[in-house]
N, C-alpha and C. Protein backbone atom coordinates (compact mmCIF):
# COMPACT_ATOMS: atom_id res chain seq x y z
N MET A 1 -13.44 -36.61 -26.11
CA MET A 1 -13.66 -36.37 -24.69
C MET A 1 -12.50 -35.94 -24.17
N LYS A 2 -11.63 -36.97 -24.36
CA LYS A 2 -10.02 -36.28 -23.56
C LYS A 2 -9.83 -35.21 -23.97
N ARG A 3 -9.71 -34.73 -25.17
CA ARG A 3 -9.39 -33.70 -26.10
C ARG A 3 -10.19 -32.22 -25.50
N ILE A 4 -11.31 -32.45 -25.22
CA ILE A 4 -12.24 -31.52 -24.70
C ILE A 4 -11.80 -31.42 -23.20
N LEU A 5 -11.13 -32.25 -22.25
CA LEU A 5 -10.35 -32.52 -20.99
C LEU A 5 -9.00 -31.67 -21.21
N ILE A 6 -8.32 -32.01 -21.95
CA ILE A 6 -6.98 -31.24 -22.12
C ILE A 6 -6.95 -29.95 -22.74
N VAL A 7 -8.35 -29.59 -23.22
CA VAL A 7 -8.16 -28.25 -23.92
C VAL A 7 -9.09 -27.40 -22.46
N ALA A 8 -9.56 -27.80 -21.77
CA ALA A 8 -10.17 -27.51 -20.49
C ALA A 8 -8.95 -27.03 -19.39
N VAL A 9 -8.11 -28.14 -19.32
CA VAL A 9 -7.15 -28.09 -18.14
C VAL A 9 -6.20 -26.89 -18.90
N GLY A 10 -5.95 -27.10 -20.23
CA GLY A 10 -5.26 -25.82 -20.65
C GLY A 10 -5.45 -24.35 -20.68
N MET A 11 -6.92 -24.41 -20.62
CA MET A 11 -7.69 -22.94 -20.56
C MET A 11 -7.21 -22.89 -19.17
N LEU A 12 -7.59 -23.33 -18.03
CA LEU A 12 -7.64 -22.96 -16.58
C LEU A 12 -6.28 -22.67 -16.24
N PHE A 13 -5.51 -23.49 -17.07
CA PHE A 13 -3.55 -22.96 -16.63
C PHE A 13 -3.28 -21.84 -16.99
N LEU A 14 -4.23 -21.49 -18.22
CA LEU A 14 -3.49 -20.12 -19.02
C LEU A 14 -4.41 -18.86 -17.92
N THR A 15 -5.64 -19.14 -17.47
CA THR A 15 -6.12 -18.17 -17.01
C THR A 15 -5.84 -17.91 -15.28
N GLY A 16 -5.12 -18.75 -15.25
CA GLY A 16 -4.17 -18.97 -14.03
C GLY A 16 -3.01 -18.30 -14.11
N LEU A 17 -2.41 -17.96 -15.26
CA LEU A 17 -1.13 -16.76 -15.66
C LEU A 17 -1.54 -16.04 -15.62
N ASN A 18 -2.83 -15.86 -16.41
CA ASN A 18 -3.41 -14.66 -16.57
C ASN A 18 -3.62 -13.56 -15.41
N SER A 19 -3.74 -14.16 -13.92
CA SER A 19 -4.10 -13.70 -12.96
C SER A 19 -3.01 -13.07 -12.25
N CYS A 20 -2.15 -14.09 -12.33
CA CYS A 20 -0.66 -14.11 -11.45
C CYS A 20 0.19 -12.75 -12.43
N ASN A 21 -0.60 -12.81 -13.69
CA ASN A 21 0.72 -11.32 -13.99
C ASN A 21 -0.30 -10.14 -14.05
N LYS A 22 -1.94 -10.16 -14.22
CA LYS A 22 -2.38 -8.90 -13.81
C LYS A 22 -2.03 -8.28 -12.47
N VAL A 23 -1.87 -9.43 -11.51
CA VAL A 23 -1.23 -8.95 -10.01
C VAL A 23 0.21 -8.20 -10.15
N LYS A 24 0.72 -8.97 -10.60
CA LYS A 24 2.77 -8.94 -11.10
C LYS A 24 2.55 -7.16 -11.66
N SER A 25 2.02 -7.12 -13.14
CA SER A 25 1.80 -5.57 -13.72
C SER A 25 1.29 -4.56 -12.41
N THR A 26 0.25 -4.84 -12.23
CA THR A 26 -0.31 -3.47 -11.30
C THR A 26 1.06 -3.48 -9.92
N SER A 27 1.45 -4.48 -9.51
CA SER A 27 2.29 -4.26 -8.61
C SER A 27 3.46 -3.36 -9.27
N LYS A 28 4.01 -4.15 -10.34
CA LYS A 28 4.86 -3.36 -10.91
C LYS A 28 5.23 -2.02 -10.96
N ARG A 29 4.00 -1.24 -10.92
CA ARG A 29 3.85 0.13 -11.29
C ARG A 29 3.83 0.69 -9.87
N LEU A 30 3.93 0.42 -8.93
CA LEU A 30 4.33 1.01 -7.68
C LEU A 30 5.54 0.45 -7.20
N MET A 31 6.28 -1.24 -7.27
CA MET A 31 7.09 -1.24 -7.27
C MET A 31 8.89 -0.75 -7.63
N LYS A 32 8.63 0.03 -8.75
CA LYS A 32 9.59 0.48 -9.41
C LYS A 32 10.22 1.61 -8.01
N THR A 33 11.40 1.44 -7.91
CA THR A 33 12.21 2.13 -7.21
C THR A 33 12.05 3.53 -6.78
N GLY A 34 10.83 4.76 -6.33
CA GLY A 34 10.82 6.16 -6.44
C GLY A 34 9.94 6.01 -5.09
N ASP A 35 9.81 7.69 -5.71
CA ASP A 35 8.92 8.78 -4.97
C ASP A 35 7.10 8.98 -5.49
N TRP A 36 6.04 8.43 -4.52
CA TRP A 36 5.17 8.74 -5.01
C TRP A 36 4.52 10.01 -4.01
N LYS A 37 3.88 10.98 -4.55
CA LYS A 37 3.25 11.98 -3.99
C LYS A 37 1.73 11.88 -3.20
N VAL A 38 1.36 11.72 -2.35
CA VAL A 38 0.21 11.45 -1.83
C VAL A 38 -0.52 12.82 -2.34
N THR A 39 -1.55 12.59 -3.05
CA THR A 39 -2.51 13.72 -3.29
C THR A 39 -3.74 14.17 -2.39
N GLU A 40 -4.41 13.00 -1.97
CA GLU A 40 -5.19 12.84 -1.28
C GLU A 40 -5.49 11.61 0.00
N LEU A 41 -5.64 12.34 0.75
CA LEU A 41 -5.41 11.45 2.21
C LEU A 41 -6.42 12.04 3.22
N SER A 42 -7.97 11.41 2.81
CA SER A 42 -9.45 11.89 3.52
C SER A 42 -10.17 10.97 4.47
N VAL A 43 -10.54 11.42 5.15
CA VAL A 43 -11.86 10.36 6.08
C VAL A 43 -12.97 11.25 5.96
N ASN A 44 -14.03 10.68 5.14
CA ASN A 44 -15.06 11.28 4.85
C ASN A 44 -15.17 12.65 4.30
N GLY A 45 -14.44 12.77 3.20
CA GLY A 45 -13.96 13.98 2.32
C GLY A 45 -13.64 14.69 2.94
N VAL A 46 -13.03 14.62 4.06
CA VAL A 46 -12.08 15.75 5.04
C VAL A 46 -10.44 15.30 4.76
N ASN A 47 -9.69 15.96 3.92
CA ASN A 47 -8.49 15.82 3.53
C ASN A 47 -7.27 16.30 4.75
N GLU A 48 -6.71 15.47 5.25
CA GLU A 48 -5.60 15.56 6.22
C GLU A 48 -4.49 16.65 5.93
N GLU A 49 -4.48 17.54 6.70
CA GLU A 49 -3.55 19.04 6.72
C GLU A 49 -2.22 18.38 6.42
N GLU A 50 -1.60 17.51 6.78
CA GLU A 50 -0.50 17.07 6.14
C GLU A 50 -0.61 16.01 4.95
N LEU A 51 -0.31 16.12 4.02
CA LEU A 51 0.27 14.67 2.87
C LEU A 51 1.49 14.51 2.78
N PRO A 52 1.71 12.80 3.09
CA PRO A 52 3.13 12.58 3.20
C PRO A 52 3.47 12.19 1.58
N LYS A 53 4.49 11.86 1.58
CA LYS A 53 5.10 11.36 0.32
C LYS A 53 5.25 9.50 0.85
N TRP A 54 5.58 8.79 -0.36
CA TRP A 54 5.88 7.32 0.06
C TRP A 54 7.01 7.01 -1.12
N GLU A 55 7.72 6.48 -0.18
CA GLU A 55 8.98 5.97 -1.06
C GLU A 55 9.14 4.34 -1.20
N ILE A 56 8.80 4.07 -2.65
CA ILE A 56 8.69 2.71 -2.94
C ILE A 56 9.68 1.99 -2.88
N ASP A 57 9.95 0.69 -2.32
CA ASP A 57 11.49 0.20 -2.36
C ASP A 57 11.26 -1.03 -3.45
N ASP A 58 11.71 -1.38 -4.35
CA ASP A 58 11.46 -2.10 -5.40
C ASP A 58 11.42 -3.59 -5.04
N CYS A 59 10.79 -4.76 -5.29
CA CYS A 59 10.57 -5.93 -4.43
C CYS A 59 10.55 -6.80 -5.78
N ASP A 60 10.55 -8.13 -5.48
CA ASP A 60 9.86 -9.39 -6.29
C ASP A 60 8.52 -9.75 -4.90
N ILE A 61 7.13 -9.59 -5.48
CA ILE A 61 6.27 -9.73 -4.71
C ILE A 61 6.51 -11.16 -4.59
N TYR A 62 6.74 -11.81 -5.17
CA TYR A 62 6.62 -13.43 -5.05
C TYR A 62 7.84 -14.26 -4.25
N ASP A 63 8.62 -13.13 -4.05
CA ASP A 63 9.85 -13.47 -2.92
C ASP A 63 9.71 -13.08 -1.65
N GLU A 64 9.53 -11.73 -1.47
CA GLU A 64 9.61 -11.09 -0.50
C GLU A 64 8.55 -10.10 -0.04
N SER A 65 8.77 -9.52 1.15
CA SER A 65 7.50 -8.21 1.45
C SER A 65 7.79 -7.09 1.01
N CYS A 66 7.00 -6.54 0.30
CA CYS A 66 7.37 -5.15 -0.20
C CYS A 66 6.94 -4.14 0.73
N PHE A 67 7.95 -3.18 0.56
CA PHE A 67 8.45 -2.37 2.20
C PHE A 67 8.30 -0.90 0.97
N GLY A 68 7.36 0.39 1.84
CA GLY A 68 7.68 1.63 1.17
C GLY A 68 7.88 2.21 2.93
N GLU A 69 8.12 3.74 2.56
CA GLU A 69 8.61 4.76 3.67
C GLU A 69 7.43 5.61 3.19
N TRP A 70 6.95 6.06 4.73
CA TRP A 70 5.79 6.98 5.03
C TRP A 70 6.59 8.38 5.11
N LYS A 71 6.64 9.03 4.23
CA LYS A 71 7.59 10.72 4.85
C LYS A 71 6.77 11.80 4.90
N ASN A 72 7.23 12.56 6.05
CA ASN A 72 6.66 13.69 5.95
C ASN A 72 7.23 15.29 5.54
N ASP A 73 6.96 16.30 5.83
CA ASP A 73 7.66 17.29 5.69
C ASP A 73 8.80 17.67 6.38
N GLU A 74 8.49 17.19 7.68
CA GLU A 74 9.13 17.75 8.86
C GLU A 74 10.87 16.69 8.81
N GLY A 75 10.72 15.64 7.98
CA GLY A 75 11.65 14.31 7.97
C GLY A 75 11.18 13.66 8.52
N GLY A 76 10.06 13.39 9.31
CA GLY A 76 9.80 12.10 10.14
C GLY A 76 9.41 10.96 8.61
N HIS A 77 9.45 9.74 9.24
CA HIS A 77 9.00 8.60 8.40
C HIS A 77 8.73 7.31 9.42
N ALA A 78 7.91 6.50 8.67
CA ALA A 78 7.51 5.34 9.11
C ALA A 78 7.68 4.31 8.25
N GLU A 79 8.15 3.11 8.46
CA GLU A 79 8.08 2.09 7.24
C GLU A 79 6.72 1.34 7.52
N PHE A 80 5.99 0.70 6.05
CA PHE A 80 5.14 0.19 6.14
C PHE A 80 5.18 -0.98 4.63
N ILE A 81 4.12 -1.85 4.85
CA ILE A 81 4.44 -2.96 3.78
C ILE A 81 3.19 -2.91 3.08
N TRP A 82 3.17 -3.22 1.83
CA TRP A 82 2.13 -2.79 0.81
C TRP A 82 1.76 -4.34 0.30
N GLN A 83 0.55 -4.55 -0.45
CA GLN A 83 0.47 -5.31 -1.52
C GLN A 83 -0.73 -5.32 -2.35
N PHE A 84 -0.64 -5.91 -3.58
CA PHE A 84 -1.81 -6.07 -4.24
C PHE A 84 -2.48 -7.23 -4.12
N ARG A 85 -3.88 -7.89 -4.23
CA ARG A 85 -4.19 -8.71 -3.86
C ARG A 85 -5.50 -8.69 -5.13
N GLU A 86 -5.82 -10.22 -5.10
CA GLU A 86 -7.40 -10.17 -5.88
C GLU A 86 -6.82 -9.77 -7.71
N LYS A 87 -6.18 -9.90 -8.31
CA LYS A 87 -5.97 -9.97 -9.45
C LYS A 87 -6.03 -8.20 -9.71
N GLY A 88 -5.06 -7.68 -8.80
CA GLY A 88 -4.97 -6.13 -8.79
C GLY A 88 -6.23 -5.33 -7.98
N GLU A 89 -7.37 -5.57 -7.59
CA GLU A 89 -8.28 -5.07 -7.36
C GLU A 89 -8.16 -4.49 -5.76
N VAL A 90 -7.43 -5.30 -5.11
CA VAL A 90 -7.44 -4.89 -3.68
C VAL A 90 -6.08 -4.67 -3.08
N PHE A 91 -5.95 -3.61 -2.30
CA PHE A 91 -4.32 -2.79 -2.17
C PHE A 91 -4.37 -2.87 -0.52
N GLU A 92 -3.36 -3.47 -0.23
CA GLU A 92 -3.02 -3.16 1.59
C GLU A 92 -2.20 -2.92 1.91
N LEU A 93 -2.00 -2.17 2.90
CA LEU A 93 -1.00 -1.44 3.37
C LEU A 93 -1.00 -1.51 5.05
N SER A 94 -0.21 -1.95 4.85
CA SER A 94 0.36 -2.66 6.87
C SER A 94 1.51 -1.44 7.67
N TYR A 95 1.33 -0.85 8.50
CA TYR A 95 2.20 0.15 9.14
C TYR A 95 3.06 -0.88 9.94
N GLN A 96 4.40 -0.90 9.64
CA GLN A 96 5.33 -2.17 11.12
C GLN A 96 6.43 -0.90 11.72
N ALA A 97 5.66 -1.29 12.89
CA ALA A 97 6.49 -0.39 14.17
C ALA A 97 7.99 -0.71 14.35
N GLU A 98 8.75 -0.07 14.19
CA GLU A 98 10.09 -0.07 14.51
C GLU A 98 10.20 -0.34 15.98
N GLU A 99 11.61 -1.12 16.13
CA GLU A 99 11.58 -2.11 17.36
C GLU A 99 11.95 -0.67 18.28
N HIS A 100 12.26 0.58 18.42
CA HIS A 100 12.36 1.11 19.62
C HIS A 100 11.13 1.76 19.49
N ASP A 101 10.01 1.77 18.75
CA ASP A 101 8.81 2.07 19.18
C ASP A 101 8.31 1.22 20.50
N HIS A 102 8.70 0.14 21.01
CA HIS A 102 7.94 -0.82 22.30
C HIS A 102 9.22 0.05 23.27
N GLU A 103 9.62 0.61 23.01
CA GLU A 103 11.17 0.50 24.45
C GLU A 103 10.39 1.85 24.78
N GLU A 104 10.73 1.43 26.38
CA GLU A 104 9.37 2.29 27.87
C GLU A 104 10.15 3.72 27.36
N GLU A 105 9.36 4.40 27.72
CA GLU A 105 9.43 6.16 27.79
C GLU A 105 10.82 6.66 28.41
N GLY A 106 11.82 7.15 27.51
CA GLY A 106 13.23 7.48 28.51
C GLY A 106 13.82 6.70 27.62
N GLU A 107 13.77 5.38 27.19
CA GLU A 107 15.35 4.46 27.07
C GLU A 107 15.74 5.01 25.68
N HIS A 108 14.60 6.24 24.90
CA HIS A 108 14.63 6.16 23.78
C HIS A 108 14.29 7.73 23.06
N ASP A 109 15.34 8.40 22.67
CA ASP A 109 14.74 9.79 22.37
C ASP A 109 13.89 9.92 21.04
N HIS A 110 12.59 10.12 21.08
CA HIS A 110 11.53 10.08 20.27
C HIS A 110 11.84 11.12 19.49
N ASP A 111 11.46 11.61 18.49
CA ASP A 111 11.46 12.60 17.45
C ASP A 111 10.16 12.71 16.87
N HIS A 112 9.51 13.94 17.10
CA HIS A 112 8.24 14.15 16.90
C HIS A 112 7.74 13.96 15.71
N ALA A 113 8.53 14.05 14.34
CA ALA A 113 8.09 14.15 13.02
C ALA A 113 8.03 12.71 12.41
N ALA A 114 9.06 11.93 13.46
CA ALA A 114 9.15 10.72 13.22
C ALA A 114 7.53 9.92 13.89
N GLU A 115 7.11 10.94 14.78
CA GLU A 115 6.04 9.65 15.88
C GLU A 115 4.82 10.40 14.74
N GLU A 116 4.82 11.53 14.61
CA GLU A 116 3.63 11.91 13.49
C GLU A 116 3.27 10.90 12.17
N ALA A 117 4.27 10.51 11.62
CA ALA A 117 4.59 9.77 10.49
C ALA A 117 3.98 8.46 11.03
N ALA A 118 4.53 7.86 11.77
CA ALA A 118 3.95 6.72 12.67
C ALA A 118 2.56 6.38 12.73
N GLU A 119 2.13 7.48 13.51
CA GLU A 119 0.70 7.41 13.95
C GLU A 119 -0.29 7.64 12.51
N GLN A 120 0.32 8.43 11.47
CA GLN A 120 -0.73 8.79 10.23
C GLN A 120 -0.36 7.26 9.64
N ALA A 121 0.85 6.60 9.31
CA ALA A 121 0.72 5.61 8.53
C ALA A 121 -0.40 4.12 9.13
N ALA A 122 -0.12 4.35 10.86
CA ALA A 122 -0.88 3.29 11.54
C ALA A 122 -2.29 3.32 10.99
N ASN A 123 -2.56 4.79 11.24
CA ASN A 123 -4.03 5.40 11.25
C ASN A 123 -4.86 4.83 9.84
N PHE A 124 -3.77 4.77 8.97
CA PHE A 124 -4.52 4.91 7.32
C PHE A 124 -4.27 3.25 6.75
N SER A 125 -3.47 2.72 7.93
CA SER A 125 -2.89 0.78 7.50
C SER A 125 -4.27 -0.03 7.25
N GLY A 126 -4.75 -0.48 5.98
CA GLY A 126 -5.68 -1.70 6.13
C GLY A 126 -5.98 -1.80 4.42
N VAL A 127 -7.06 -2.25 4.53
CA VAL A 127 -7.46 -3.21 3.13
C VAL A 127 -8.25 -2.29 2.59
N TYR A 128 -8.02 -1.65 1.06
CA TYR A 128 -8.56 -0.77 0.05
C TYR A 128 -8.90 -1.40 -1.25
N GLU A 129 -10.00 -0.75 -1.81
CA GLU A 129 -10.61 -1.22 -3.02
C GLU A 129 -9.43 -0.27 -4.14
N VAL A 130 -9.20 -0.78 -4.96
CA VAL A 130 -8.42 -0.22 -6.03
C VAL A 130 -9.79 0.63 -6.88
N GLU A 131 -9.46 1.75 -6.61
CA GLU A 131 -10.48 2.49 -7.69
C GLU A 131 -9.74 3.19 -9.05
N LYS A 132 -8.96 3.44 -9.12
CA LYS A 132 -7.66 3.67 -9.81
C LYS A 132 -6.90 3.19 -10.35
N LYS A 133 -6.38 2.56 -11.27
CA LYS A 133 -4.90 2.19 -11.71
C LYS A 133 -4.15 2.54 -12.99
N GLU A 134 -3.51 3.72 -12.89
CA GLU A 134 -2.95 4.18 -14.04
C GLU A 134 -1.18 4.24 -13.76
N LYS A 135 -0.62 4.49 -14.87
CA LYS A 135 0.62 4.55 -14.48
C LYS A 135 1.18 5.32 -13.75
N LYS A 136 0.47 6.74 -13.71
CA LYS A 136 1.27 7.45 -12.78
C LYS A 136 0.46 8.14 -11.52
N VAL A 137 -0.78 7.61 -11.66
CA VAL A 137 -2.26 7.80 -10.62
C VAL A 137 -2.67 6.94 -9.90
N MET A 138 -2.62 6.53 -8.57
CA MET A 138 -3.49 5.57 -8.38
C MET A 138 -4.33 6.11 -6.99
N GLU A 139 -5.78 5.22 -6.60
CA GLU A 139 -6.61 5.72 -5.85
C GLU A 139 -7.41 4.75 -5.58
N PHE A 140 -7.55 4.76 -3.96
CA PHE A 140 -7.41 3.35 -3.19
C PHE A 140 -8.78 3.98 -2.27
N THR A 141 -10.03 3.16 -2.00
CA THR A 141 -10.66 3.42 -0.89
C THR A 141 -11.27 2.60 0.08
N SER A 142 -11.49 2.59 1.22
CA SER A 142 -11.88 1.46 2.64
C SER A 142 -11.93 2.36 3.28
N SER A 143 -13.29 1.50 4.29
CA SER A 143 -14.12 1.54 5.30
C SER A 143 -13.70 0.88 6.30
N SER A 144 -12.61 0.27 6.41
CA SER A 144 -11.56 -0.72 7.56
C SER A 144 -10.24 -0.62 7.88
N THR A 145 -9.91 0.66 7.83
CA THR A 145 -8.75 1.19 8.32
C THR A 145 -8.26 1.00 9.60
N VAL A 146 -7.46 0.69 10.19
CA VAL A 146 -7.47 0.81 12.02
C VAL A 146 -7.59 1.68 12.55
N GLY A 147 -7.37 2.98 12.18
CA GLY A 147 -7.70 4.29 12.93
C GLY A 147 -9.04 4.75 12.32
N TYR A 148 -10.00 4.63 11.49
CA TYR A 148 -10.94 5.23 10.91
C TYR A 148 -11.93 4.27 10.48
N SER A 149 -11.74 2.84 11.02
CA SER A 149 -12.80 1.87 10.81
C SER A 149 -14.57 2.35 10.86
N GLY A 150 -15.34 2.01 9.81
CA GLY A 150 -16.70 2.58 9.29
C GLY A 150 -16.45 3.61 8.92
N SER A 151 -15.41 4.70 8.61
CA SER A 151 -15.22 5.77 7.69
C SER A 151 -15.01 5.91 6.53
N ARG A 152 -15.29 6.53 5.69
CA ARG A 152 -14.60 6.26 3.91
C ARG A 152 -13.37 7.13 4.37
N VAL A 153 -12.62 6.20 3.83
CA VAL A 153 -11.23 6.58 3.74
C VAL A 153 -10.76 6.33 2.28
N LYS A 154 -10.04 7.60 1.99
CA LYS A 154 -9.09 7.55 0.29
C LYS A 154 -7.97 8.18 0.20
N ILE A 155 -7.63 7.49 -0.43
CA ILE A 155 -6.01 7.74 -0.67
C ILE A 155 -5.48 7.77 -2.41
N LYS A 156 -5.24 8.66 -2.25
CA LYS A 156 -4.58 9.03 -3.85
C LYS A 156 -2.96 9.23 -4.08
N VAL A 157 -2.48 8.98 -4.67
CA VAL A 157 -1.15 8.82 -4.56
C VAL A 157 -0.61 9.31 -6.40
N GLU A 158 0.35 9.88 -6.49
CA GLU A 158 0.97 10.40 -7.68
C GLU A 158 2.40 10.41 -8.02
N LYS A 159 3.07 9.65 -8.98
CA LYS A 159 4.20 9.33 -9.18
C LYS A 159 5.08 10.33 -9.37
N ILE A 160 6.00 10.78 -8.98
CA ILE A 160 6.76 12.16 -8.86
C ILE A 160 7.80 12.26 -9.84
């Protein structure tokens, strides 16, 4: 009986390690410093006219928040935090407003391209199901984003 208990505890421990490793290995795909091109950014099947690029910063998912930069073709950019959860089956993206975003009008010169990037990043912030997770292609879907709650949102990214 004691042997069965020891084996059972050991198996639970190994299962826990395996779960962490799945999340970490999935996160490592995006965690490598580099650029990802968004090839689809759609709401109810209608693709956005302007597709951004993501610049993913390298990070240790256990020690810090993972940051990325949402960039548009006009040079605008917005910072976001991302993470994988639930054994790599859930992806969360969260726009991070910069300090000057909250200043009163006129106190800071607003850059139109940066405002567009920030608005797009904010609207597409949310919790996504991971539909595809390959080395160079990832797809995420959600119906609970900040700007499009209740609509089917899809993001597809490819490593550049």
